């Protein structure tokens, strides 16, 4: 490290650059995007299922199935 042309500062810069080049945080970012997509899908599904037309259709289907 001390043999670096810029001395200890150059070694610290190289260490920082090595850390920045890695993809250690990619898994966390992928999980975050997947979670956001799942939440968005759940919100859309909730909105659709709570609409009056869909509730009426589902109630009719259930009534027919129980007869």
N, C-alpha and C. Protein backbone atom coordinates (compact mmCIF):
# COMPACT_ATOMS: atom_id res chain seq x y z
N UNK A 1 0.82 -1.19 0.00
CA UNK A 1 0.00 0.00 0.00
C UNK A 1 0.86 1.25 0.00
N UNK A 2 1.89 1.27 0.78
CA UNK A 2 2.73 2.46 0.88
C UNK A 2 3.54 2.64 -0.39
N UNK A 3 3.74 1.59 -1.19
CA UNK A 3 4.50 1.68 -2.43
C UNK A 3 3.70 2.36 -3.54
N UNK A 4 2.51 2.76 -3.27
CA UNK A 4 1.67 3.43 -4.25
C UNK A 4 2.30 4.77 -4.64
N UNK A 5 2.19 5.17 -5.92
CA UNK A 5 2.76 6.45 -6.35
C UNK A 5 2.19 7.64 -5.56
N UNK A 6 0.96 7.53 -5.11
CA UNK A 6 0.36 8.63 -4.35
C UNK A 6 0.42 8.38 -2.85
N UNK A 7 1.13 7.35 -2.45
CA UNK A 7 1.25 7.04 -1.03
C UNK A 7 -0.03 6.46 -0.47
N UNK A 8 -0.28 6.68 0.81
CA UNK A 8 -1.46 6.11 1.46
C UNK A 8 -2.77 6.59 0.86
N UNK A 9 -2.80 7.80 0.35
CA UNK A 9 -4.03 8.32 -0.26
C UNK A 9 -4.37 7.53 -1.52
N UNK A 10 -3.37 7.23 -2.34
CA UNK A 10 -3.59 6.45 -3.55
C UNK A 10 -4.10 5.05 -3.23
N UNK A 11 -3.57 4.47 -2.16
CA UNK A 11 -4.02 3.14 -1.75
C UNK A 11 -5.48 3.19 -1.31
N UNK A 12 -5.84 4.23 -0.60
CA UNK A 12 -7.24 4.37 -0.16
C UNK A 12 -8.17 4.57 -1.35
N UNK A 13 -7.71 5.31 -2.33
CA UNK A 13 -8.53 5.53 -3.53
C UNK A 13 -8.73 4.22 -4.27
N UNK A 14 -7.64 3.43 -4.41
CA UNK A 14 -7.77 2.12 -5.08
C UNK A 14 -8.73 1.20 -4.33
N UNK A 15 -8.64 1.21 -3.00
CA UNK A 15 -9.54 0.38 -2.20
C UNK A 15 -10.99 0.81 -2.41
N UNK A 16 -11.22 2.10 -2.43
CA UNK A 16 -12.57 2.62 -2.65
C UNK A 16 -13.08 2.23 -4.04
N UNK A 17 -12.24 2.36 -5.05
CA UNK A 17 -12.65 2.00 -6.41
C UNK A 17 -12.97 0.51 -6.52
N UNK A 18 -12.20 -0.34 -5.83
CA UNK A 18 -12.50 -1.78 -5.83
C UNK A 18 -13.87 -2.05 -5.23
N UNK A 19 -14.19 -1.35 -4.15
CA UNK A 19 -15.50 -1.53 -3.52
C UNK A 19 -16.63 -1.07 -4.44
N UNK A 20 -16.43 0.02 -5.14
CA UNK A 20 -17.46 0.55 -6.02
C UNK A 20 -17.69 -0.33 -7.24
N UNK A 21 -16.67 -1.04 -7.69
CA UNK A 21 -16.80 -1.90 -8.86
C UNK A 21 -17.57 -3.18 -8.56
N UNK A 22 -17.61 -3.61 -7.33
CA UNK A 22 -18.29 -4.85 -6.97
C UNK A 22 -19.80 -4.71 -7.11
N UNK A 23 -20.47 -5.86 -7.14
CA UNK A 23 -21.93 -5.86 -7.24
C UNK A 23 -22.56 -6.47 -6.00
N UNK A 24 -21.95 -6.23 -4.85
CA UNK A 24 -22.43 -6.83 -3.60
C UNK A 24 -23.84 -6.40 -3.25
N UNK A 25 -24.26 -5.21 -3.65
CA UNK A 25 -25.59 -4.73 -3.30
C UNK A 25 -26.66 -5.07 -4.32
N UNK A 26 -26.32 -5.78 -5.36
CA UNK A 26 -27.29 -6.07 -6.41
C UNK A 26 -28.43 -6.94 -5.92
N UNK A 27 -28.17 -7.90 -5.08
CA UNK A 27 -29.25 -8.76 -4.60
C UNK A 27 -30.29 -7.96 -3.85
N UNK A 28 -29.84 -7.05 -3.02
CA UNK A 28 -30.77 -6.22 -2.25
C UNK A 28 -31.61 -5.36 -3.19
N UNK A 29 -30.99 -4.79 -4.20
CA UNK A 29 -31.72 -3.96 -5.16
C UNK A 29 -32.75 -4.79 -5.92
N UNK A 30 -32.38 -5.99 -6.29
CA UNK A 30 -33.32 -6.86 -7.02
C UNK A 30 -34.50 -7.23 -6.14
N UNK A 31 -34.24 -7.51 -4.87
CA UNK A 31 -35.35 -7.81 -3.95
C UNK A 31 -36.25 -6.59 -3.79
N UNK A 32 -35.67 -5.41 -3.72
CA UNK A 32 -36.47 -4.19 -3.56
C UNK A 32 -37.37 -3.97 -4.77
N UNK A 33 -36.84 -4.17 -5.97
CA UNK A 33 -37.64 -3.99 -7.18
C UNK A 33 -38.74 -5.05 -7.24
N UNK A 34 -38.42 -6.27 -6.88
CA UNK A 34 -39.42 -7.33 -6.87
C UNK A 34 -40.52 -7.07 -5.86
N UNK A 35 -40.14 -6.56 -4.69
CA UNK A 35 -41.13 -6.23 -3.67
C UNK A 35 -42.03 -5.10 -4.13
N UNK A 36 -41.45 -4.07 -4.74
CA UNK A 36 -42.27 -2.96 -5.25
C UNK A 36 -43.24 -3.44 -6.33
N UNK A 37 -42.78 -4.33 -7.19
CA UNK A 37 -43.66 -4.85 -8.24
C UNK A 37 -44.80 -5.66 -7.63
N UNK A 38 -44.50 -6.45 -6.60
CA UNK A 38 -45.54 -7.25 -5.95
C UNK A 38 -46.57 -6.36 -5.25
N UNK A 39 -46.10 -5.31 -4.61
CA UNK A 39 -47.01 -4.38 -3.93
C UNK A 39 -47.89 -3.66 -4.94
N UNK A 40 -47.30 -3.24 -6.06
CA UNK A 40 -48.09 -2.56 -7.09
C UNK A 40 -49.15 -3.50 -7.67
N UNK A 41 -48.78 -4.75 -7.91
CA UNK A 41 -49.73 -5.73 -8.43
C UNK A 41 -50.85 -5.97 -7.42
N UNK A 42 -50.50 -6.07 -6.14
CA UNK A 42 -51.51 -6.27 -5.10
C UNK A 42 -52.47 -5.08 -5.03
N UNK A 43 -51.95 -3.87 -5.19
CA UNK A 43 -52.80 -2.68 -5.16
C UNK A 43 -53.79 -2.68 -6.33
N UNK A 44 -53.31 -3.04 -7.51
CA UNK A 44 -54.19 -3.10 -8.67
C UNK A 44 -55.23 -4.20 -8.49
N UNK A 45 -54.82 -5.35 -8.00
CA UNK A 45 -55.74 -6.45 -7.78
C UNK A 45 -56.80 -6.07 -6.74
N UNK A 46 -56.40 -5.41 -5.68
CA UNK A 46 -57.35 -4.97 -4.66
C UNK A 46 -58.36 -3.99 -5.25
N UNK A 47 -57.87 -3.06 -6.05
CA UNK A 47 -58.76 -2.07 -6.68
C UNK A 47 -59.78 -2.77 -7.60
N UNK A 48 -59.32 -3.75 -8.36
CA UNK A 48 -60.21 -4.47 -9.27
C UNK A 48 -61.24 -5.28 -8.49
N UNK A 49 -60.78 -6.00 -7.48
CA UNK A 49 -61.69 -6.88 -6.74
C UNK A 49 -62.69 -6.12 -5.87
N UNK A 50 -62.41 -4.88 -5.55
CA UNK A 50 -63.35 -4.11 -4.73
C UNK A 50 -64.28 -3.24 -5.58
N UNK A 51 -64.17 -3.34 -6.90
CA UNK A 51 -65.09 -2.58 -7.75
C UNK A 51 -66.47 -3.24 -7.71
N UNK A 52 -67.51 -2.45 -7.78
CA UNK A 52 -68.88 -3.00 -7.66
C UNK A 52 -69.21 -4.06 -8.72
N UNK A 53 -68.82 -3.84 -9.95
CA UNK A 53 -69.13 -4.81 -11.02
C UNK A 53 -68.50 -6.17 -10.75
N UNK A 54 -67.26 -6.18 -10.34
CA UNK A 54 -66.56 -7.44 -10.07
C UNK A 54 -67.17 -8.12 -8.85
N UNK A 55 -67.48 -7.36 -7.81
CA UNK A 55 -68.10 -7.95 -6.62
C UNK A 55 -69.44 -8.60 -6.96
N UNK A 56 -70.20 -7.94 -7.81
CA UNK A 56 -71.50 -8.50 -8.22
C UNK A 56 -71.29 -9.80 -9.00
N UNK A 57 -70.35 -9.78 -9.92
CA UNK A 57 -70.07 -10.98 -10.72
C UNK A 57 -69.59 -12.13 -9.83
N UNK A 58 -68.70 -11.84 -8.90
CA UNK A 58 -68.20 -12.88 -8.01
C UNK A 58 -69.32 -13.44 -7.14
N UNK A 59 -70.21 -12.57 -6.65
CA UNK A 59 -71.33 -13.02 -5.83
C UNK A 59 -72.25 -13.94 -6.63
N UNK A 60 -72.50 -13.61 -7.91
CA UNK A 60 -73.33 -14.46 -8.77
C UNK A 60 -72.68 -15.82 -8.99
N UNK A 61 -71.38 -15.82 -9.20
CA UNK A 61 -70.66 -17.09 -9.42
C UNK A 61 -70.74 -17.96 -8.18
N UNK A 62 -70.54 -17.35 -7.01
CA UNK A 62 -70.61 -18.11 -5.77
C UNK A 62 -72.01 -18.64 -5.51
N UNK A 63 -73.02 -17.83 -5.79
CA UNK A 63 -74.42 -18.28 -5.61
C UNK A 63 -74.73 -19.48 -6.52
N UNK A 64 -74.31 -19.41 -7.78
CA UNK A 64 -74.54 -20.51 -8.71
C UNK A 64 -73.80 -21.77 -8.24
N UNK A 65 -72.60 -21.60 -7.70
CA UNK A 65 -71.82 -22.76 -7.27
C UNK A 65 -72.47 -23.41 -6.04
N UNK A 66 -73.12 -22.63 -5.20
CA UNK A 66 -73.74 -23.18 -3.99
C UNK A 66 -75.09 -23.83 -4.24
N UNK A 67 -75.71 -23.59 -5.39
CA UNK A 67 -77.04 -24.16 -5.70
C UNK A 67 -76.94 -25.58 -6.16
